[in-house]
Amino acid sequence: MAYDLAIPLHSHASSVTVFNGLNFSEWHEQVQFHLSVMDLDLALLNDKLTAVTDASSSDEKSFHKAWEHSNSMSLMFMRMSIANNIKSTIPQTESAREYLKFVEEHFRSTVKSLAGTVMAELTTMKFDGSPSMQNHIIEMTKYCSKTSDLGDES
């Protein structure tokens, strides 16, 4: 069974935009979609139950087993779709939900800060005559493109 899931997991993960620190919204949306399609989003949607005991019902035991599987596969999936230089900055957690929350909290503020920097640069740019007008327009267009890309993240 684990082997049967390994191929679709890798296939789905390889089709997700790699998280590079600046594209959280797009990455998050794709991760949620793919985990949902593979029916692995249980750990993102629900908290883990307390430990299973002999007194636990069969439904509780079944939920716990499904949650553990979902959590493990979700963590693996997310780690597979994050750039290596970013991955090393994210602490190892036991919960997919905590992992996703950490990524969101850490990188949303980075994107907002970068958006502010790009906007400040764009609004203070002035044509001073040294490069050609065409080069100046190209530079301004690049900054406009950056702000529209970052606008989806903030």
N, C-alpha and C. Protein backbone atom coordinates (compact mmCIF):
# COMPACT_ATOMS: atom_id res chain seq x y z
N MET A 1 0.82 -1.19 0.00
CA MET A 1 0.00 0.00 0.00
C MET A 1 0.86 1.26 0.00
N ALA A 2 1.93 1.30 0.83
CA ALA A 2 2.78 2.49 0.89
C ALA A 2 3.42 2.76 -0.46
N TYR A 3 3.80 1.71 -1.18
CA TYR A 3 4.41 1.88 -2.50
C TYR A 3 3.39 2.44 -3.48
N ASP A 4 2.13 2.00 -3.37
CA ASP A 4 1.08 2.50 -4.25
C ASP A 4 0.88 4.00 -4.09
N LEU A 5 1.07 4.51 -2.89
CA LEU A 5 0.88 5.92 -2.62
C LEU A 5 2.13 6.74 -2.97
N ALA A 6 3.30 6.11 -2.94
CA ALA A 6 4.56 6.84 -3.18
C ALA A 6 4.60 7.46 -4.57
N ILE A 7 4.16 6.77 -5.58
CA ILE A 7 4.22 7.29 -6.95
C ILE A 7 3.27 8.49 -7.11
N PRO A 8 1.98 8.38 -6.72
CA PRO A 8 1.13 9.57 -6.86
C PRO A 8 1.61 10.74 -5.99
N LEU A 9 2.14 10.46 -4.80
CA LEU A 9 2.64 11.53 -3.94
C LEU A 9 3.75 12.29 -4.64
N HIS A 10 4.71 11.58 -5.18
CA HIS A 10 5.82 12.23 -5.88
C HIS A 10 5.31 12.96 -7.12
N SER A 11 4.40 12.34 -7.84
CA SER A 11 3.85 12.96 -9.04
C SER A 11 3.12 14.25 -8.71
N HIS A 12 2.30 14.23 -7.67
CA HIS A 12 1.58 15.43 -7.26
C HIS A 12 2.56 16.49 -6.75
N ALA A 13 3.52 16.09 -5.93
CA ALA A 13 4.48 17.05 -5.37
C ALA A 13 5.31 17.71 -6.46
N SER A 14 5.65 16.96 -7.49
CA SER A 14 6.48 17.53 -8.56
C SER A 14 5.68 18.50 -9.43
N SER A 15 4.35 18.47 -9.34
CA SER A 15 3.56 19.41 -10.13
C SER A 15 3.20 20.67 -9.33
N VAL A 16 3.60 20.71 -8.06
CA VAL A 16 3.35 21.89 -7.22
C VAL A 16 4.49 22.88 -7.43
N THR A 17 4.14 24.15 -7.52
CA THR A 17 5.15 25.20 -7.61
C THR A 17 6.04 25.12 -6.38
N VAL A 18 7.35 25.10 -6.59
CA VAL A 18 8.28 25.02 -5.48
C VAL A 18 8.22 26.32 -4.67
N PHE A 19 8.07 26.17 -3.37
CA PHE A 19 8.02 27.34 -2.49
C PHE A 19 9.42 27.93 -2.38
N ASN A 20 9.55 29.21 -2.75
CA ASN A 20 10.87 29.86 -2.77
C ASN A 20 11.00 30.97 -1.73
N GLY A 21 10.00 31.11 -0.88
CA GLY A 21 10.03 32.14 0.13
C GLY A 21 9.22 33.37 -0.24
N LEU A 22 8.87 33.50 -1.52
CA LEU A 22 8.14 34.68 -1.98
C LEU A 22 6.78 34.34 -2.58
N ASN A 23 6.47 33.06 -2.71
CA ASN A 23 5.23 32.66 -3.39
C ASN A 23 4.33 31.82 -2.49
N PHE A 24 4.20 32.24 -1.22
CA PHE A 24 3.44 31.45 -0.26
C PHE A 24 2.01 31.18 -0.70
N SER A 25 1.29 32.20 -1.12
CA SER A 25 -0.13 32.02 -1.45
C SER A 25 -0.34 30.97 -2.54
N GLU A 26 0.44 31.07 -3.59
CA GLU A 26 0.31 30.11 -4.69
C GLU A 26 0.67 28.71 -4.22
N TRP A 27 1.79 28.58 -3.50
CA TRP A 27 2.25 27.29 -3.00
C TRP A 27 1.22 26.69 -2.04
N HIS A 28 0.73 27.49 -1.11
CA HIS A 28 -0.23 27.02 -0.11
C HIS A 28 -1.51 26.50 -0.78
N GLU A 29 -2.00 27.24 -1.74
CA GLU A 29 -3.21 26.83 -2.45
C GLU A 29 -2.99 25.50 -3.17
N GLN A 30 -1.86 25.36 -3.82
CA GLN A 30 -1.57 24.12 -4.54
C GLN A 30 -1.38 22.94 -3.59
N VAL A 31 -0.70 23.16 -2.47
CA VAL A 31 -0.50 22.10 -1.48
C VAL A 31 -1.85 21.63 -0.95
N GLN A 32 -2.70 22.57 -0.57
CA GLN A 32 -4.02 22.19 -0.06
C GLN A 32 -4.83 21.41 -1.10
N PHE A 33 -4.78 21.87 -2.34
CA PHE A 33 -5.53 21.19 -3.40
C PHE A 33 -5.04 19.76 -3.58
N HIS A 34 -3.73 19.59 -3.73
CA HIS A 34 -3.20 18.25 -4.00
C HIS A 34 -3.40 17.30 -2.81
N LEU A 35 -3.21 17.79 -1.59
CA LEU A 35 -3.45 16.93 -0.44
C LEU A 35 -4.92 16.54 -0.34
N SER A 36 -5.80 17.45 -0.70
CA SER A 36 -7.22 17.15 -0.70
C SER A 36 -7.56 16.10 -1.76
N VAL A 37 -7.03 16.27 -2.96
CA VAL A 37 -7.29 15.32 -4.04
C VAL A 37 -6.83 13.92 -3.66
N MET A 38 -5.68 13.86 -2.96
CA MET A 38 -5.15 12.54 -2.55
C MET A 38 -5.77 12.07 -1.23
N ASP A 39 -6.73 12.84 -0.70
CA ASP A 39 -7.40 12.51 0.56
C ASP A 39 -6.39 12.39 1.70
N LEU A 40 -5.44 13.33 1.73
CA LEU A 40 -4.42 13.35 2.77
C LEU A 40 -4.47 14.61 3.62
N ASP A 41 -5.53 15.37 3.55
CA ASP A 41 -5.60 16.64 4.26
C ASP A 41 -6.22 16.54 5.65
N LEU A 42 -6.48 15.35 6.13
CA LEU A 42 -7.09 15.17 7.44
C LEU A 42 -6.29 15.85 8.55
N ALA A 43 -4.97 15.73 8.50
CA ALA A 43 -4.12 16.32 9.54
C ALA A 43 -4.09 17.84 9.47
N LEU A 44 -4.39 18.41 8.32
CA LEU A 44 -4.45 19.87 8.20
C LEU A 44 -5.78 20.40 8.68
N LEU A 45 -6.82 19.57 8.60
CA LEU A 45 -8.17 20.00 8.95
C LEU A 45 -8.56 19.71 10.40
N ASN A 46 -7.88 18.73 11.02
CA ASN A 46 -8.26 18.31 12.37
C ASN A 46 -7.05 18.23 13.28
N ASP A 47 -7.31 18.52 14.55
CA ASP A 47 -6.28 18.33 15.56
C ASP A 47 -6.14 16.84 15.84
N LYS A 48 -4.97 16.48 16.29
CA LYS A 48 -4.72 15.09 16.66
C LYS A 48 -5.52 14.76 17.92
N LEU A 49 -6.09 13.57 17.94
CA LEU A 49 -6.80 13.14 19.15
C LEU A 49 -5.79 12.82 20.23
N THR A 50 -6.29 12.77 21.45
CA THR A 50 -5.42 12.33 22.53
C THR A 50 -5.00 10.90 22.25
N ALA A 51 -4.03 10.44 22.96
CA ALA A 51 -3.47 9.11 22.73
C ALA A 51 -4.56 8.04 22.75
N VAL A 52 -4.38 7.06 21.91
CA VAL A 52 -5.31 5.93 21.86
C VAL A 52 -5.00 4.99 23.02
N THR A 53 -6.05 4.55 23.67
CA THR A 53 -5.90 3.61 24.79
C THR A 53 -6.75 2.38 24.51
N ASP A 54 -6.68 1.42 25.40
CA ASP A 54 -7.51 0.23 25.28
C ASP A 54 -9.00 0.58 25.36
N ALA A 55 -9.29 1.67 26.06
CA ALA A 55 -10.68 2.09 26.23
C ALA A 55 -11.21 2.87 25.01
N SER A 56 -10.33 3.23 24.08
CA SER A 56 -10.75 3.99 22.90
C SER A 56 -11.66 3.15 22.02
N SER A 57 -12.63 3.81 21.43
CA SER A 57 -13.55 3.11 20.54
C SER A 57 -12.84 2.77 19.23
N SER A 58 -13.42 1.90 18.46
CA SER A 58 -12.81 1.53 17.18
C SER A 58 -12.80 2.72 16.22
N ASP A 59 -13.80 3.59 16.32
CA ASP A 59 -13.82 4.81 15.49
C ASP A 59 -12.66 5.73 15.87
N GLU A 60 -12.41 5.88 17.16
CA GLU A 60 -11.28 6.71 17.61
C GLU A 60 -9.95 6.13 17.16
N LYS A 61 -9.83 4.82 17.25
CA LYS A 61 -8.59 4.16 16.81
C LYS A 61 -8.41 4.32 15.30
N SER A 62 -9.49 4.19 14.58
CA SER A 62 -9.44 4.33 13.12
C SER A 62 -9.08 5.77 12.73
N PHE A 63 -9.70 6.74 13.40
CA PHE A 63 -9.40 8.15 13.13
C PHE A 63 -7.94 8.44 13.44
N HIS A 64 -7.46 7.94 14.56
CA HIS A 64 -6.06 8.17 14.97
C HIS A 64 -5.10 7.62 13.92
N LYS A 65 -5.37 6.43 13.44
CA LYS A 65 -4.51 5.81 12.42
C LYS A 65 -4.54 6.62 11.12
N ALA A 66 -5.74 7.05 10.71
CA ALA A 66 -5.87 7.85 9.49
C ALA A 66 -5.19 9.20 9.66
N TRP A 67 -5.32 9.81 10.85
CA TRP A 67 -4.69 11.10 11.10
C TRP A 67 -3.16 10.97 11.05
N GLU A 68 -2.62 9.95 11.67
CA GLU A 68 -1.16 9.71 11.67
C GLU A 68 -0.65 9.56 10.23
N HIS A 69 -1.37 8.81 9.42
CA HIS A 69 -0.98 8.60 8.02
C HIS A 69 -1.04 9.92 7.26
N SER A 70 -2.14 10.64 7.43
CA SER A 70 -2.30 11.93 6.75
C SER A 70 -1.20 12.90 7.17
N ASN A 71 -0.91 12.96 8.46
CA ASN A 71 0.10 13.87 8.98
C ASN A 71 1.47 13.55 8.39
N SER A 72 1.84 12.30 8.42
CA SER A 72 3.14 11.88 7.90
C SER A 72 3.29 12.20 6.41
N MET A 73 2.28 11.85 5.64
CA MET A 73 2.34 12.08 4.20
C MET A 73 2.26 13.58 3.86
N SER A 74 1.49 14.33 4.62
CA SER A 74 1.38 15.78 4.39
C SER A 74 2.72 16.47 4.65
N LEU A 75 3.37 16.09 5.75
CA LEU A 75 4.69 16.65 6.05
C LEU A 75 5.67 16.34 4.93
N MET A 76 5.68 15.10 4.50
CA MET A 76 6.58 14.69 3.43
C MET A 76 6.28 15.48 2.15
N PHE A 77 5.02 15.61 1.83
CA PHE A 77 4.60 16.32 0.62
C PHE A 77 5.06 17.77 0.66
N MET A 78 4.82 18.45 1.78
CA MET A 78 5.21 19.86 1.88
C MET A 78 6.73 20.01 1.79
N ARG A 79 7.47 19.16 2.48
CA ARG A 79 8.93 19.25 2.44
C ARG A 79 9.48 19.01 1.04
N MET A 80 8.81 18.15 0.28
CA MET A 80 9.25 17.87 -1.10
C MET A 80 9.05 19.06 -2.01
N SER A 81 8.15 19.97 -1.65
CA SER A 81 7.82 21.09 -2.54
C SER A 81 8.36 22.43 -2.04
N ILE A 82 9.39 22.39 -1.21
CA ILE A 82 10.02 23.60 -0.70
C ILE A 82 11.48 23.60 -1.13
N ALA A 83 11.94 24.76 -1.60
CA ALA A 83 13.33 24.89 -2.04
C ALA A 83 14.27 24.53 -0.88
N ASN A 84 15.38 23.88 -1.19
CA ASN A 84 16.31 23.40 -0.16
C ASN A 84 16.83 24.52 0.74
N ASN A 85 17.13 25.68 0.18
CA ASN A 85 17.64 26.77 1.01
C ASN A 85 16.59 27.28 1.99
N ILE A 86 15.31 27.12 1.69
CA ILE A 86 14.22 27.51 2.58
C ILE A 86 13.97 26.39 3.59
N LYS A 87 13.99 25.17 3.10
CA LYS A 87 13.69 24.00 3.93
C LYS A 87 14.56 23.95 5.17
N SER A 88 15.83 24.32 5.03
CA SER A 88 16.76 24.25 6.16
C SER A 88 16.46 25.29 7.23
N THR A 89 15.65 26.30 6.93
CA THR A 89 15.31 27.34 7.91
C THR A 89 14.03 27.03 8.67
N ILE A 90 13.35 25.97 8.27
CA ILE A 90 12.07 25.61 8.91
C ILE A 90 12.33 24.50 9.91
N PRO A 91 11.95 24.71 11.16
CA PRO A 91 12.20 23.67 12.16
C PRO A 91 11.38 22.41 11.89
N GLN A 92 11.95 21.29 12.27
CA GLN A 92 11.24 20.02 12.13
C GLN A 92 10.10 20.00 13.16
N THR A 93 8.92 19.66 12.73
CA THR A 93 7.78 19.55 13.64
C THR A 93 7.16 18.17 13.48
N GLU A 94 6.36 17.81 14.42
CA GLU A 94 5.67 16.52 14.38
C GLU A 94 4.29 16.64 13.75
N SER A 95 3.87 17.88 13.49
CA SER A 95 2.53 18.12 12.98
C SER A 95 2.57 18.90 11.67
N ALA A 96 1.87 18.40 10.67
CA ALA A 96 1.78 19.08 9.38
C ALA A 96 1.12 20.45 9.55
N ARG A 97 0.15 20.52 10.41
CA ARG A 97 -0.56 21.78 10.66
C ARG A 97 0.39 22.83 11.25
N GLU A 98 1.23 22.41 12.21
CA GLU A 98 2.22 23.32 12.81
C GLU A 98 3.25 23.75 11.78
N TYR A 99 3.68 22.82 10.95
CA TYR A 99 4.68 23.11 9.91
C TYR A 99 4.15 24.17 8.96
N LEU A 100 2.93 23.98 8.49
CA LEU A 100 2.31 24.93 7.58
C LEU A 100 2.11 26.29 8.24
N LYS A 101 1.71 26.29 9.50
CA LYS A 101 1.51 27.54 10.23
C LYS A 101 2.83 28.29 10.38
N PHE A 102 3.91 27.58 10.68
CA PHE A 102 5.22 28.22 10.81
C PHE A 102 5.64 28.86 9.49
N VAL A 103 5.48 28.12 8.40
CA VAL A 103 5.85 28.64 7.08
C VAL A 103 5.04 29.90 6.78
N GLU A 104 3.76 29.86 7.03
CA GLU A 104 2.91 31.01 6.76
C GLU A 104 3.33 32.22 7.59
N GLU A 105 3.50 32.04 8.88
CA GLU A 105 3.85 33.16 9.76
C GLU A 105 5.21 33.76 9.40
N HIS A 106 6.14 32.91 9.05
CA HIS A 106 7.49 33.38 8.75
C HIS A 106 7.60 34.09 7.40
N PHE A 107 6.92 33.59 6.40
CA PHE A 107 7.15 34.09 5.06
C PHE A 107 6.13 35.10 4.58
N ARG A 108 4.98 35.22 5.19
CA ARG A 108 4.03 36.28 4.83
C ARG A 108 4.65 37.65 5.13
N SER A 109 5.32 37.77 6.29
CA SER A 109 5.92 39.05 6.65
C SER A 109 7.09 39.38 5.73
N THR A 110 7.83 38.39 5.27
CA THR A 110 8.93 38.61 4.34
C THR A 110 8.41 39.19 3.04
N VAL A 111 7.32 38.64 2.54
CA VAL A 111 6.74 39.11 1.29
C VAL A 111 6.22 40.54 1.44
N LYS A 112 5.56 40.82 2.57
CA LYS A 112 5.05 42.18 2.78
C LYS A 112 6.19 43.19 2.85
N SER A 113 7.28 42.82 3.49
CA SER A 113 8.44 43.71 3.58
C SER A 113 9.04 43.95 2.20
N LEU A 114 9.17 42.89 1.43
CA LEU A 114 9.71 43.01 0.08
C LEU A 114 8.80 43.86 -0.80
N ALA A 115 7.50 43.69 -0.65
CA ALA A 115 6.55 44.49 -1.44
C ALA A 115 6.72 45.97 -1.12
N GLY A 116 6.91 46.29 0.15
CA GLY A 116 7.13 47.68 0.55
C GLY A 116 8.40 48.26 -0.06
N THR A 117 9.45 47.46 -0.08
CA THR A 117 10.72 47.90 -0.66
C THR A 117 10.58 48.15 -2.16
N VAL A 118 9.92 47.23 -2.85
CA VAL A 118 9.73 47.38 -4.30
C VAL A 118 8.86 48.61 -4.60
N MET A 119 7.80 48.81 -3.82
CA MET A 119 6.94 49.97 -4.03
C MET A 119 7.69 51.27 -3.79
N ALA A 120 8.52 51.29 -2.75
CA ALA A 120 9.31 52.50 -2.46
C ALA A 120 10.26 52.80 -3.62
N GLU A 121 10.89 51.78 -4.14
CA GLU A 121 11.80 51.96 -5.27
C GLU A 121 11.05 52.48 -6.50
N LEU A 122 9.90 51.90 -6.75
CA LEU A 122 9.11 52.31 -7.92
C LEU A 122 8.64 53.76 -7.81
N THR A 123 8.18 54.13 -6.64
CA THR A 123 7.62 55.48 -6.49
C THR A 123 8.69 56.57 -6.43
N THR A 124 9.94 56.19 -6.17
CA THR A 124 11.00 57.20 -6.11
C THR A 124 11.87 57.23 -7.37
N MET A 125 11.61 56.35 -8.31
CA MET A 125 12.40 56.33 -9.55
C MET A 125 12.16 57.60 -10.36
N LYS A 126 13.25 58.16 -10.85
CA LYS A 126 13.13 59.35 -11.70
C LYS A 126 14.04 59.19 -12.90
N PHE A 127 13.59 59.69 -13.99
CA PHE A 127 14.41 59.65 -15.20
C PHE A 127 15.42 60.79 -15.12
N ASP A 128 16.70 60.40 -15.08
CA ASP A 128 17.74 61.43 -14.95
C ASP A 128 18.50 61.66 -16.26
N GLY A 129 18.09 61.00 -17.31
CA GLY A 129 18.69 61.23 -18.61
C GLY A 129 19.90 60.37 -18.92
N SER A 130 20.49 59.70 -17.90
CA SER A 130 21.69 58.92 -18.17
C SER A 130 21.41 57.66 -18.99
N PRO A 131 20.49 56.80 -18.56
CA PRO A 131 20.17 55.70 -19.49
C PRO A 131 19.15 56.23 -20.50
N SER A 132 18.93 55.47 -21.50
CA SER A 132 17.93 55.91 -22.49
C SER A 132 16.54 55.84 -21.87
N MET A 133 15.61 56.56 -22.45
CA MET A 133 14.22 56.55 -21.98
C MET A 133 13.68 55.12 -22.06
N GLN A 134 14.05 54.40 -23.09
CA GLN A 134 13.59 53.02 -23.26
C GLN A 134 14.05 52.16 -22.08
N ASN A 135 15.33 52.28 -21.68
CA ASN A 135 15.84 51.50 -20.54
C ASN A 135 15.13 51.88 -19.24
N HIS A 136 14.86 53.16 -19.08
CA HIS A 136 14.14 53.62 -17.89
C HIS A 136 12.74 53.00 -17.84
N ILE A 137 12.06 52.99 -18.95
CA ILE A 137 10.71 52.41 -19.02
C ILE A 137 10.78 50.91 -18.74
N ILE A 138 11.78 50.24 -19.28
CA ILE A 138 11.94 48.80 -19.04
C ILE A 138 12.16 48.54 -17.54
N GLU A 139 13.00 49.35 -16.89
CA GLU A 139 13.23 49.20 -15.45
C GLU A 139 11.94 49.40 -14.66
N MET A 140 11.18 50.43 -15.02
CA MET A 140 9.92 50.68 -14.32
C MET A 140 8.94 49.53 -14.53
N THR A 141 8.91 49.00 -15.73
CA THR A 141 8.04 47.86 -16.03
C THR A 141 8.41 46.65 -15.19
N LYS A 142 9.71 46.43 -14.99
CA LYS A 142 10.16 45.31 -14.14
C LYS A 142 9.64 45.48 -12.72
N TYR A 143 9.76 46.69 -12.18
CA TYR A 143 9.27 46.94 -10.82
C TYR A 143 7.76 46.78 -10.73
N CYS A 144 7.04 47.23 -11.75
CA CYS A 144 5.58 47.05 -11.77
C CYS A 144 5.23 45.57 -11.77
N SER A 145 5.96 44.81 -12.53
CA SER A 145 5.73 43.36 -12.59
C SER A 145 5.99 42.73 -11.22
N LYS A 146 7.06 43.15 -10.57
CA LYS A 146 7.38 42.62 -9.24
C LYS A 146 6.26 42.94 -8.25
N THR A 147 5.74 44.17 -8.30
CA THR A 147 4.68 44.54 -7.35
C THR A 147 3.41 43.76 -7.60
N SER A 148 3.09 43.50 -8.86
CA SER A 148 1.87 42.73 -9.13
C SER A 148 2.05 41.28 -8.69
N ASP A 149 3.26 40.71 -8.85
CA ASP A 149 3.54 39.36 -8.39
C ASP A 149 3.44 39.28 -6.88
N LEU A 150 3.99 40.28 -6.20
CA LEU A 150 3.96 40.29 -4.73
C LEU A 150 2.60 40.65 -4.19
N GLY A 151 1.80 41.36 -4.95
CA GLY A 151 0.47 41.74 -4.50
C GLY A 151 -0.41 40.57 -4.18
N ASP A 152 -0.19 39.43 -4.87
CA ASP A 152 -0.99 38.22 -4.62
C ASP A 152 -0.62 37.61 -3.27
N GLU A 153 0.55 37.94 -2.74
CA GLU A 153 1.04 37.31 -1.52
C GLU A 153 0.62 38.06 -0.26
N SER A 154 0.42 39.38 -0.35
CA SER A 154 0.20 40.15 0.88
C SER A 154 -1.23 40.17 1.32
